[in-house]
C-alpha atoms as a PDB file:
ATOM      1  CA  MET A   1      20.201  11.901 -18.356  1.00  0.00           C
ATOM      2  CA  ALA A   2      21.734  15.375 -17.859  1.00  0.00           C
ATOM      3  CA  ASN A   3      18.609  16.986 -19.895  1.00  0.00           C
ATOM      4  CA  ASP A   4      16.203  14.970 -17.402  1.00  0.00           C
ATOM      5  CA  SER A   5      14.036  17.395 -15.793  1.00  0.00           C
ATOM      6  CA  VAL A   6      13.058  17.902 -12.052  1.00  0.00           C
ATOM      7  CA  ALA A   7       9.565  16.739 -11.610  1.00  0.00           C
ATOM      8  CA  GLY A   8      10.310  16.630  -7.829  1.00  0.00           C
ATOM      9  CA  GLN A   9      12.179  15.575  -4.464  1.00  0.00           C
ATOM     10  CA  VAL A  10      11.551  12.582  -2.328  1.00  0.00           C
ATOM     11  CA  GLN A  11       9.871  13.920   1.257  1.00  0.00           C
ATOM     12  CA  GLU A  12       9.279  10.791   2.532  1.00  0.00           C
ATOM     13  CA  ILE A  13      10.147   6.926   2.390  1.00  0.00           C
ATOM     14  CA  TRP A  14       7.924   4.329   3.837  1.00  0.00           C
ATOM     15  CA  ARG A  15       8.219   0.989   4.173  1.00  0.00           C
ATOM     16  CA  TYR A  16       4.964  -1.518   5.802  1.00  0.00           C
ATOM     17  CA  PRO A  17       6.482  -4.709   7.224  1.00  0.00           C
ATOM     18  CA  VAL A  18       3.066  -6.270   7.748  1.00  0.00           C
ATOM     19  CA  LYS A  19       0.165  -5.786   4.795  1.00  0.00           C
ATOM     20  CA  SER A  20      -2.289  -3.341   6.143  1.00  0.00           C
ATOM     21  CA  MET A  21      -0.671  -2.103   9.372  1.00  0.00           C
ATOM     22  CA  ARG A  22       0.903   1.216   9.754  1.00  0.00           C
ATOM     23  CA  GLY A  23       4.467   1.366   8.282  1.00  0.00           C
ATOM     24  CA  GLU A  24       8.155   2.842   9.036  1.00  0.00           C
ATOM     25  CA  ARG A  25       9.525   6.183   8.000  1.00  0.00           C
ATOM     26  CA  MET A  26      12.816   5.587   6.743  1.00  0.00           C
ATOM     27  CA  ASP A  27      15.339   8.088   5.564  1.00  0.00           C
ATOM     28  CA  ALA A  28      16.873   5.775   3.096  1.00  0.00           C
ATOM     29  CA  ALA A  29      15.851   2.512   1.438  1.00  0.00           C
ATOM     30  CA  HIS A  30      16.726   0.140  -0.820  1.00  0.00           C
ATOM     31  CA  LEU A  31      14.598  -0.780  -4.291  1.00  0.00           C
ATOM     32  CA  THR A  32      15.005  -4.483  -5.627  1.00  0.00           C
ATOM     33  CA  ALA A  33      13.329  -5.495  -8.330  1.00  0.00           C
ATOM     34  CA  THR A  34      10.452  -6.708  -6.041  1.00  0.00           C
ATOM     35  CA  GLY A  35      10.406  -3.317  -4.368  1.00  0.00           C
ATOM     36  CA  LEU A  36      11.348  -2.210  -1.595  1.00  0.00           C
ATOM     37  CA  LEU A  37      13.444  -4.492   1.051  1.00  0.00           C
ATOM     38  CA  GLY A  38      11.118  -5.822   3.657  1.00  0.00           C
ATOM     39  CA  ASP A  39       7.980  -4.035   2.323  1.00  0.00           C
ATOM     40  CA  ARG A  40       5.226  -6.035   3.126  1.00  0.00           C
ATOM     41  CA  GLY A  41       7.240  -9.386   4.477  1.00  0.00           C
ATOM     42  CA  TRP A  42       4.523 -10.253   6.496  1.00  0.00           C
ATOM     43  CA  ALA A  43       0.599 -10.561   5.983  1.00  0.00           C
ATOM     44  CA  THR A  44      -2.437 -12.560   7.458  1.00  0.00           C
ATOM     45  CA  ARG A  45      -3.786 -15.386   6.370  1.00  0.00           C
ATOM     46  CA  ASP A  46      -7.759 -15.543   7.135  1.00  0.00           C
ATOM     47  CA  GLU A  47      -8.525 -18.699   9.290  1.00  0.00           C
ATOM     48  CA  ARG A  48     -12.273 -18.011   9.017  1.00  0.00           C
ATOM     49  CA  ARG A  49     -13.019 -17.826   5.108  1.00  0.00           C
ATOM     50  CA  GLY A  50      -9.430 -18.603   3.963  1.00  0.00           C
ATOM     51  CA  GLY A  51      -6.360 -16.930   1.797  1.00  0.00           C
ATOM     52  CA  ILE A  52      -4.280 -13.780   2.356  1.00  0.00           C
ATOM     53  CA  ARG A  53      -6.199 -10.600   3.543  1.00  0.00           C
ATOM     54  CA  GLY A  54      -5.639  -7.169   4.366  1.00  0.00           C
ATOM     55  CA  ALA A  55      -7.602  -4.125   5.601  1.00  0.00           C
ATOM     56  CA  LYS A  56      -9.903  -4.323   2.680  1.00  0.00           C
ATOM     57  CA  LYS A  57     -11.664  -7.218   4.372  1.00  0.00           C
ATOM     58  CA  ILE A  58     -10.394  -7.297   8.027  1.00  0.00           C
ATOM     59  CA  ARG A  59     -10.582  -3.847   8.447  1.00  0.00           C
ATOM     60  CA  ASP A  60      -8.993  -3.724  12.241  1.00  0.00           C
ATOM     61  CA  LEU A  61      -5.819  -4.740  10.562  1.00  0.00           C
ATOM     62  CA  MET A  62      -5.081  -0.632  10.106  1.00  0.00           C
ATOM     63  CA  LEU A  63      -5.232   0.075  13.967  1.00  0.00           C
ATOM     64  CA  CYS A  64      -2.036  -1.883  14.326  1.00  0.00           C
ATOM     65  CA  ALA A  65       1.566  -1.121  13.732  1.00  0.00           C
ATOM     66  CA  ALA A  66       4.447  -3.060  12.786  1.00  0.00           C
ATOM     67  CA  THR A  67       8.598  -2.348  13.240  1.00  0.00           C
ATOM     68  CA  TYR A  68      10.811  -5.190  12.196  1.00  0.00           C
ATOM     69  CA  VAL A  69      13.135  -6.611  15.398  1.00  0.00           C
ATOM     70  CA  ALA A  70      16.504  -5.987  12.852  1.00  0.00           C
ATOM     71  CA  GLU A  71      17.099  -4.714   9.836  1.00  0.00           C
ATOM     72  CA  PRO A  72      16.153  -6.990   6.422  1.00  0.00           C
ATOM     73  CA  THR A  73      18.863  -7.939   4.609  1.00  0.00           C
ATOM     74  CA  PRO A  74      18.661  -9.840   0.784  1.00  0.00           C
ATOM     75  CA  ASP A  75      19.929 -12.916   2.678  1.00  0.00           C
ATOM     76  CA  SER A  76      17.168 -12.017   5.256  1.00  0.00           C
ATOM     77  CA  PRO A  77      14.371 -10.207   4.073  1.00  0.00           C
ATOM     78  CA  THR A  78      11.721 -10.992   6.638  1.00  0.00           C
ATOM     79  CA  PRO A  79      13.024 -10.760   9.926  1.00  0.00           C
ATOM     80  CA  HIS A  80      10.502 -11.056  13.028  1.00  0.00           C
ATOM     81  CA  VAL A  81       8.338  -8.233  13.579  1.00  0.00           C
ATOM     82  CA  VAL A  82       6.878  -6.295  16.974  1.00  0.00           C
ATOM     83  CA  MET A  83       3.295  -5.597  16.001  1.00  0.00           C
ATOM     84  CA  ARG A  84       1.516  -2.466  18.429  1.00  0.00           C
ATOM     85  CA  LEU A  85      -2.458  -3.362  18.832  1.00  0.00           C
ATOM     86  CA  PRO A  86      -5.027  -1.417  19.396  1.00  0.00           C
ATOM     87  CA  ASP A  87      -5.085  -1.767  23.228  1.00  0.00           C
ATOM     88  CA  GLY A  88      -1.185  -0.179  23.288  1.00  0.00           C
ATOM     89  CA  SER A  89       0.243  -3.754  23.787  1.00  0.00           C
ATOM     90  CA  ALA A  90       2.942  -5.388  21.807  1.00  0.00           C
ATOM     91  CA  VAL A  91       3.718  -8.613  20.047  1.00  0.00           C
ATOM     92  CA  ARG A  92       6.493 -10.235  18.905  1.00  0.00           C
ATOM     93  CA  SER A  93       5.672 -12.853  15.818  1.00  0.00           C
ATOM     94  CA  ASP A  94       7.872 -15.294  16.727  1.00  0.00           C
ATOM     95  CA  GLU A  95       6.213 -15.193  20.479  1.00  0.00           C
ATOM     96  CA  SER A  96       4.244 -18.627  20.530  1.00  0.00           C
ATOM     97  CA  ASP A  97       0.772 -16.606  21.120  1.00  0.00           C
ATOM     98  CA  ALA A  98       1.197 -14.233  18.509  1.00  0.00           C
ATOM     99  CA  ALA A  99      -1.807 -15.189  16.497  1.00  0.00           C
ATOM    100  CA  THR A 100      -4.005 -15.561  18.746  1.00  0.00           C
ATOM    101  CA  ARG A 101      -3.248 -12.441  20.414  1.00  0.00           C
ATOM    102  CA  LEU A 102      -3.719 -10.248  16.975  1.00  0.00           C
ATOM    103  CA  SER A 103      -6.986 -12.311  16.191  1.00  0.00           C
ATOM    104  CA  ARG A 104      -8.368 -10.976  19.672  1.00  0.00           C
ATOM    105  CA  ALA A 105      -7.071  -7.836  19.038  1.00  0.00           C
ATOM    106  CA  ILE A 106      -8.641  -7.392  15.493  1.00  0.00           C
ATOM    107  CA  ASN A 107     -12.034  -9.785  16.514  1.00  0.00           C
ATOM    108  CA  HIS A 108     -11.236 -12.062  13.230  1.00  0.00           C
ATOM    109  CA  PRO A 109      -9.204 -15.313  13.508  1.00  0.00           C
ATOM    110  CA  VAL A 110      -5.871 -14.794  11.554  1.00  0.00           C
ATOM    111  CA  THR A 111      -2.359 -16.671  11.310  1.00  0.00           C
ATOM    112  CA  LEU A 112       0.916 -14.354  10.731  1.00  0.00           C
ATOM    113  CA  TRP A 113       2.530 -15.331   7.485  1.00  0.00           C
ATOM    114  CA  PRO A 114       5.955 -14.256   6.088  1.00  0.00           C
ATOM    115  CA  LEU A 115       6.491 -14.257   2.404  1.00  0.00           C
ATOM    116  CA  GLN A 116       6.382 -17.689   0.971  1.00  0.00           C
ATOM    117  CA  PRO A 117       7.866 -18.915  -2.258  1.00  0.00           C
ATOM    118  CA  ALA A 118       6.409 -17.507  -5.483  1.00  0.00           C
ATOM    119  CA  ASP A 119       5.973 -20.997  -6.699  1.00  0.00           C
ATOM    120  CA  ASP A 120       3.407 -21.617  -3.675  1.00  0.00           C
ATOM    121  CA  LEU A 121       0.140 -21.024  -5.451  1.00  0.00           C
ATOM    122  CA  ASP A 122      -1.991 -22.034  -2.912  1.00  0.00           C
ATOM    123  CA  HIS A 123      -0.469 -19.609  -0.855  1.00  0.00           C
ATOM    124  CA  TYR A 124      -1.398 -16.856  -2.697  1.00  0.00           C
ATOM    125  CA  ARG A 125      -4.691 -17.709  -3.930  1.00  0.00           C
ATOM    126  CA  ARG A 126      -7.480 -15.834  -3.044  1.00  0.00           C
ATOM    127  CA  GLY A 127      -9.922 -17.347  -0.150  1.00  0.00           C
ATOM    128  CA  PRO A 128     -14.055 -17.459  -1.213  1.00  0.00           C
ATOM    129  CA  ALA A 129     -15.675 -13.892  -1.984  1.00  0.00           C
ATOM    130  CA  ASP A 130     -17.884 -12.608   1.036  1.00  0.00           C
ATOM    131  CA  HIS A 131     -20.885 -11.820  -1.583  1.00  0.00           C
ATOM    132  CA  GLU A 132     -21.944 -14.558  -4.196  1.00  0.00           C
ATOM    133  CA  ASP A 133     -22.633 -11.249  -6.628  1.00  0.00           C
ATOM    134  CA  VAL A 134     -19.265  -9.953  -8.141  1.00  0.00           C
ATOM    135  CA  VAL A 135     -20.504  -6.586  -8.112  1.00  0.00           C
ATOM    136  CA  GLU A 136     -21.594  -6.292  -4.960  1.00  0.00           C
ATOM    137  CA  GLU A 137     -18.276  -7.873  -3.635  1.00  0.00           C
ATOM    138  CA  LEU A 138     -16.220  -5.087  -5.540  1.00  0.00           C
ATOM    139  CA  ARG A 139     -18.516  -2.664  -4.209  1.00  0.00           C
ATOM    140  CA  ASP A 140     -17.769  -4.040  -0.849  1.00  0.00           C
ATOM    141  CA  ILE A 141     -14.157  -4.277  -1.541  1.00  0.00           C
ATOM    142  CA  PHE A 142     -14.033  -0.522  -2.909  1.00  0.00           C
ATOM    143  CA  GLY A 143     -16.133   1.141  -0.605  1.00  0.00           C
ATOM    144  CA  ARG A 144     -18.727   2.257  -3.252  1.00  0.00           C
ATOM    145  CA  GLY A 145     -22.056   2.830  -2.910  1.00  0.00           C
ATOM    146  CA  GLU A 146     -25.284   1.924  -5.251  1.00  0.00           C
ATOM    147  CA  ASP A 147     -25.417   5.596  -7.289  1.00  0.00           C
ATOM    148  CA  GLU A 148     -21.053   5.211  -7.671  1.00  0.00           C
ATOM    149  CA  PRO A 149     -19.194   3.724 -10.372  1.00  0.00           C
ATOM    150  CA  LEU A 150     -16.710   0.548  -9.685  1.00  0.00           C
ATOM    151  CA  PRO A 151     -13.120   1.795 -10.653  1.00  0.00           C
ATOM    152  CA  ASP A 152     -11.655   1.084 -13.769  1.00  0.00           C
ATOM    153  CA  LEU A 153      -9.279  -2.253 -13.179  1.00  0.00           C
ATOM    154  CA  SER A 154      -7.816  -2.474 -16.631  1.00  0.00           C
ATOM    155  CA  GLY A 155      -4.198  -1.451 -15.814  1.00  0.00           C
ATOM    156  CA  LEU A 156      -3.656  -3.744 -13.116  1.00  0.00           C
ATOM    157  CA  PRO A 157      -2.066  -6.950 -13.607  1.00  0.00           C
ATOM    158  CA  PRO A 158      -4.656  -9.990 -14.694  1.00  0.00           C
ATOM    159  CA  VAL A 159      -2.723 -12.180 -11.851  1.00  0.00           C
ATOM    160  CA  ILE A 160      -4.106 -10.733  -9.361  1.00  0.00           C
ATOM    161  CA  PHE A 161      -7.670 -11.546 -10.169  1.00  0.00           C
ATOM    162  CA  GLU A 162      -7.037 -15.498  -9.180  1.00  0.00           C
ATOM    163  CA  PHE A 163      -4.329 -14.532  -6.494  1.00  0.00           C
ATOM    164  CA  GLU A 164      -4.292 -11.813  -3.451  1.00  0.00           C
ATOM    165  CA  SER A 165      -1.342 -10.431  -4.969  1.00  0.00           C
ATOM    166  CA  PRO A 166       1.383 -11.499  -7.263  1.00  0.00           C
ATOM    167  CA  PRO A 167       2.456 -14.922  -5.912  1.00  0.00           C
ATOM    168  CA  GLY A 168       6.076 -14.173  -4.428  1.00  0.00           C
ATOM    169  CA  THR A 169       4.945 -10.636  -3.165  1.00  0.00           C
ATOM    170  CA  TYR A 170       2.146  -9.380  -0.391  1.00  0.00           C
ATOM    171  CA  TYR A 171       1.496  -6.284  -2.994  1.00  0.00           C
ATOM    172  CA  ASP A 172      -1.769  -5.526  -4.215  1.00  0.00           C
ATOM    173  CA  ALA A 173      -0.823  -4.897  -7.635  1.00  0.00           C
ATOM    174  CA  TYR A 174       2.951  -3.254  -7.948  1.00  0.00           C
ATOM    175  CA  PRO A 175       5.995  -3.259  -5.580  1.00  0.00           C
ATOM    176  CA  VAL A 176       6.176   0.544  -5.734  1.00  0.00           C
ATOM    177  CA  HIS A 177       3.740   2.913  -5.355  1.00  0.00           C
ATOM    178  CA  ILE A 178       4.140   6.768  -5.334  1.00  0.00           C
ATOM    179  CA  VAL A 179       1.840   9.715  -4.303  1.00  0.00           C
ATOM    180  CA  THR A 180       2.908  13.340  -4.841  1.00  0.00           C
ATOM    181  CA  THR A 181       2.052  16.183  -2.182  1.00  0.00           C
ATOM    182  CA  ALA A 182       0.390  18.211  -4.983  1.00  0.00           C
ATOM    183  CA  THR A 183      -1.971  16.072  -5.049  1.00  0.00           C
ATOM    184  CA  LEU A 184      -3.129  16.001  -1.530  1.00  0.00           C
ATOM    185  CA  ARG A 185      -2.675  19.788  -2.131  1.00  0.00           C
ATOM    186  CA  THR A 186      -5.729  18.871  -4.524  1.00  0.00           C
ATOM    187  CA  LEU A 187      -7.777  16.276  -2.874  1.00  0.00           C
ATOM    188  CA  GLY A 188      -7.982  18.860   0.268  1.00  0.00           C
ATOM    189  CA  ARG A 189      -9.421  21.933  -2.171  1.00  0.00           C
ATOM    190  CA  LEU A 190     -11.679  19.545  -3.690  1.00  0.00           C
ATOM    191  CA  GLY A 191     -12.721  18.362  -0.695  1.00  0.00           C
ATOM    192  CA  GLU A 192     -12.730  22.235   0.988  1.00  0.00           C
ATOM    193  CA  ARG A 193     -10.662  20.859   3.815  1.00  0.00           C
ATOM    194  CA  ASP A 194      -6.960  20.073   4.950  1.00  0.00           C
ATOM    195  CA  ALA A 195      -4.690  18.223   2.259  1.00  0.00           C
ATOM    196  CA  PRO A 196      -5.778  14.726   3.819  1.00  0.00           C
ATOM    197  CA  ASP A 197      -2.843  12.944   5.663  1.00  0.00           C
ATOM    198  CA  VAL A 198      -0.320  10.739   3.903  1.00  0.00           C
ATOM    199  CA  ARG A 199      -1.041   7.878   5.359  1.00  0.00           C
ATOM    200  CA  ARG A 200      -4.601   7.401   4.045  1.00  0.00           C
ATOM    201  CA  PHE A 201      -2.850   6.263   0.582  1.00  0.00           C
ATOM    202  CA  ARG A 202       0.292   4.017   2.043  1.00  0.00           C
ATOM    203  CA  PRO A 203       2.378   4.929  -0.419  1.00  0.00           C
ATOM    204  CA  THR A 204       6.015   3.968  -0.621  1.00  0.00           C
ATOM    205  CA  ILE A 205       7.474   7.074  -1.955  1.00  0.00           C
ATOM    206  CA  LEU A 206       5.918  10.379  -0.867  1.00  0.00           C
ATOM    207  CA  VAL A 207       7.215  13.381  -3.872  1.00  0.00           C
ATOM    208  CA  ASP A 208       7.366  17.195  -3.031  1.00  0.00           C
ATOM    209  CA  THR A 209       5.954  19.388  -5.796  1.00  0.00           C
ATOM    210  CA  PRO A 210       5.253  22.693  -4.397  1.00  0.00           C
ATOM    211  CA  ASP A 211       5.224  24.041  -7.606  1.00  0.00           C
ATOM    212  CA  ALA A 212       2.940  21.357  -9.301  1.00  0.00           C
ATOM    213  CA  ASP A 213      -1.355  21.480  -9.359  1.00  0.00           C
ATOM    214  CA  GLY A 214      -3.853  19.147  -9.608  1.00  0.00           C
ATOM    215  CA  PHE A 215      -2.235  15.042  -9.990  1.00  0.00           C
ATOM    216  CA  PRO A 216       1.109  15.491 -11.596  1.00  0.00           C
ATOM    217  CA  GLU A 217       2.059  12.115 -11.140  1.00  0.00           C
ATOM    218  CA  ARG A 218      -0.761  10.738 -13.618  1.00  0.00           C
ATOM    219  CA  ASP A 219       1.458  12.638 -16.239  1.00  0.00           C
ATOM    220  CA  TRP A 220       4.798  10.061 -15.398  1.00  0.00           C
ATOM    221  CA  ILE A 221       2.319   7.200 -16.478  1.00  0.00           C
ATOM    222  CA  GLY A 222       4.124   5.311 -19.285  1.00  0.00           C
ATOM    223  CA  SER A 223       7.263   6.458 -18.861  1.00  0.00           C
ATOM    224  CA  THR A 224      10.326   5.723 -16.392  1.00  0.00           C
ATOM    225  CA  VAL A 225      11.746   8.199 -13.527  1.00  0.00           C
ATOM    226  CA  ARG A 226      14.619   8.252 -11.916  1.00  0.00           C
ATOM    227  CA  VAL A 227      15.539   8.849  -7.628  1.00  0.00           C
ATOM    228  CA  GLY A 228      18.594   8.413  -6.482  1.00  0.00           C
ATOM    229  CA  GLU A 229      20.310   5.325  -8.048  1.00  0.00           C
ATOM    230  CA  VAL A 230      16.650   3.964  -8.866  1.00  0.00           C
ATOM    231  CA  GLU A 231      14.831   3.599 -12.285  1.00  0.00           C
ATOM    232  CA  ILE A 232      10.711   3.056 -11.755  1.00  0.00           C
ATOM    233  CA  GLU A 233       8.627   2.476 -14.784  1.00  0.00           C
ATOM    234  CA  VAL A 234       5.626   4.206 -14.057  1.00  0.00           C
ATOM    235  CA  VAL A 235       2.836   1.675 -15.237  1.00  0.00           C
ATOM    236  CA  THR A 236      -0.844   3.060 -13.906  1.00  0.00           C
ATOM    237  CA  ASP A 237      -3.088   5.415 -11.475  1.00  0.00           C
ATOM    238  CA  CYS A 238      -3.867   3.251  -8.280  1.00  0.00           C
ATOM    239  CA  PRO A 239      -7.200   2.516  -8.167  1.00  0.00           C
ATOM    240  CA  ARG A 240      -8.567   3.841  -4.624  1.00  0.00           C
ATOM    241  CA  CYS A 241     -10.653   1.244  -2.366  1.00  0.00           C
ATOM    242  CA  SER A 242     -12.054   1.160   1.146  1.00  0.00           C
ATOM    243  CA  MET A 243      -9.123   1.273   3.044  1.00  0.00           C
ATOM    244  CA  VAL A 244      -8.494   5.479   2.470  1.00  0.00           C
ATOM    245  CA  GLN A 245     -11.761   6.268   4.790  1.00  0.00           C
ATOM    246  CA  LEU A 246     -10.950   3.333   7.742  1.00  0.00           C
ATOM    247  CA  PRO A 247      -9.645   4.581  10.959  1.00  0.00           C
ATOM    248  CA  GLN A 248      -6.243   3.488  11.558  1.00  0.00           C
ATOM    249  CA  GLN A 249      -3.356   4.604  14.448  1.00  0.00           C
ATOM    250  CA  GLY A 250      -3.406   8.501  14.638  1.00  0.00           C
ATOM    251  CA  LEU A 251      -6.093   8.604  12.374  1.00  0.00           C
ATOM    252  CA  PRO A 252      -9.961   8.829  12.672  1.00  0.00           C
ATOM    253  CA  ALA A 253     -12.379   7.372  10.191  1.00  0.00           C
ATOM    254  CA  ASP A 254     -12.879   9.729   7.238  1.00  0.00           C
ATOM    255  CA  LYS A 255     -15.878   8.404   4.924  1.00  0.00           C
ATOM    256  CA  PRO A 256     -16.011  11.658   2.742  1.00  0.00           C
ATOM    257  CA  LEU A 257     -12.170  11.626   1.581  1.00  0.00           C
ATOM    258  CA  LEU A 258     -12.975   8.538  -0.254  1.00  0.00           C
ATOM    259  CA  ARG A 259     -16.192  10.400  -1.663  1.00  0.00           C
ATOM    260  CA  THR A 260     -14.238  12.895  -3.116  1.00  0.00           C
ATOM    261  CA  VAL A 261     -11.661  10.421  -4.709  1.00  0.00           C
ATOM    262  CA  VAL A 262     -14.587   8.990  -6.432  1.00  0.00           C
ATOM    263  CA  ARG A 263     -16.619  12.154  -7.574  1.00  0.00           C
ATOM    264  CA  ASP A 264     -13.530  14.221  -7.840  1.00  0.00           C
ATOM    265  CA  ALA A 265     -10.268  12.334  -8.558  1.00  0.00           C
ATOM    266  CA  ASN A 266     -11.418   9.776 -11.153  1.00  0.00           C
ATOM    267  CA  GLN A 267     -11.618   6.869  -7.923  1.00  0.00           C
ATOM    268  CA  ASN A 268      -7.917   7.253  -8.451  1.00  0.00           C
ATOM    269  CA  VAL A 269      -4.786   8.519  -5.909  1.00  0.00           C
ATOM    270  CA  GLY A 270      -1.351   8.042  -6.879  1.00  0.00           C
ATOM    271  CA  VAL A 271       0.862   5.440  -9.408  1.00  0.00           C
ATOM    272  CA  TYR A 272       1.531   1.950  -9.619  1.00  0.00           C
ATOM    273  CA  CYS A 273       5.042   1.333 -10.468  1.00  0.00           C
ATOM    274  CA  ASN A 274       7.500  -1.162 -10.879  1.00  0.00           C
ATOM    275  CA  VAL A 275      11.367  -0.801 -10.516  1.00  0.00           C
ATOM    276  CA  ARG A 276      13.329  -0.873 -13.501  1.00  0.00           C
ATOM    277  CA  THR A 277      16.880  -0.386 -12.655  1.00  0.00           C
ATOM    278  CA  PRO A 278      17.570  -1.441  -8.302  1.00  0.00           C
ATOM    279  CA  GLY A 279      19.395   0.967  -6.064  1.00  0.00           C
ATOM    280  CA  ARG A 280      19.660   2.972  -3.141  1.00  0.00           C
ATOM    281  CA  ILE A 281      16.977   5.764  -2.532  1.00  0.00           C
ATOM    282  CA  SER A 282      17.046   8.829   0.113  1.00  0.00           C
ATOM    283  CA  VAL A 283      14.997  11.500   1.635  1.00  0.00           C
ATOM    284  CA  GLY A 284      15.765  14.486  -0.288  1.00  0.00           C
ATOM    285  CA  ASP A 285      17.014  12.789  -3.798  1.00  0.00           C
ATOM    286  CA  SER A 286      15.459  14.360  -7.141  1.00  0.00           C
ATOM    287  CA  LEU A 287      12.446  12.387  -8.920  1.00  0.00           C
ATOM    288  CA  THR A 288      13.653  13.402 -12.674  1.00  0.00           C
ATOM    289  CA  ARG A 289      12.031  12.649 -15.944  1.00  0.00           C
END
């Protein structure tokens, strides 16, 4: 690895205890073969239509935030969480009325579930679509207008077309998502605005690339990068959905941002990755290629 070049430096590490709720910034974290320990350890099941669902369908989940009550460990990867609801109140996942209070807060009936075994396929299977027409369903999920193209989904694992997430996880597609600061700056320039807040894109790792322009992480696709003790395989672009424009705790709605992504960024922001060699990463670590 001595001849590897430095492509950037870890500026932020993010963990999301509950799928689609605001996450936690971390100074350091352990990446396993299935992603950052404790990431998306919990999710909500839609008790109206069935299936595990996030903010692509239950949008007010993004107005909530979640933190763990104890640090996840390999032996206990999904401790209970404290959820901060839109009105500022808090509820723990082990309180008897937690699902009732969360359902009332987001105006949608849900139950809370920690990760289940990967062979519990019915738990991860997609619930019924909201639209009979598949194109209309995809336009709703991805927030695309009638005159906008749908994203290219060919880089995503086929399993997610049957299941809400790869069974045994609550990830949308892959366990690690990387965004660079150059990408954020470029989106700001293209949209004639300030760089968007990284929380819009919910990465695992934000990499500072102060001397780069454009979307440098796209050049990493098909290669392996090293961060701290970890080797990460960069697999594909990340197609962006309606979530980037939704209001969330601390951020208002931002519809122009998604229009910029669709029009000027080939509908993608950041890259999806797999973990090849597990280990520890920390803020300040170099990303090398």
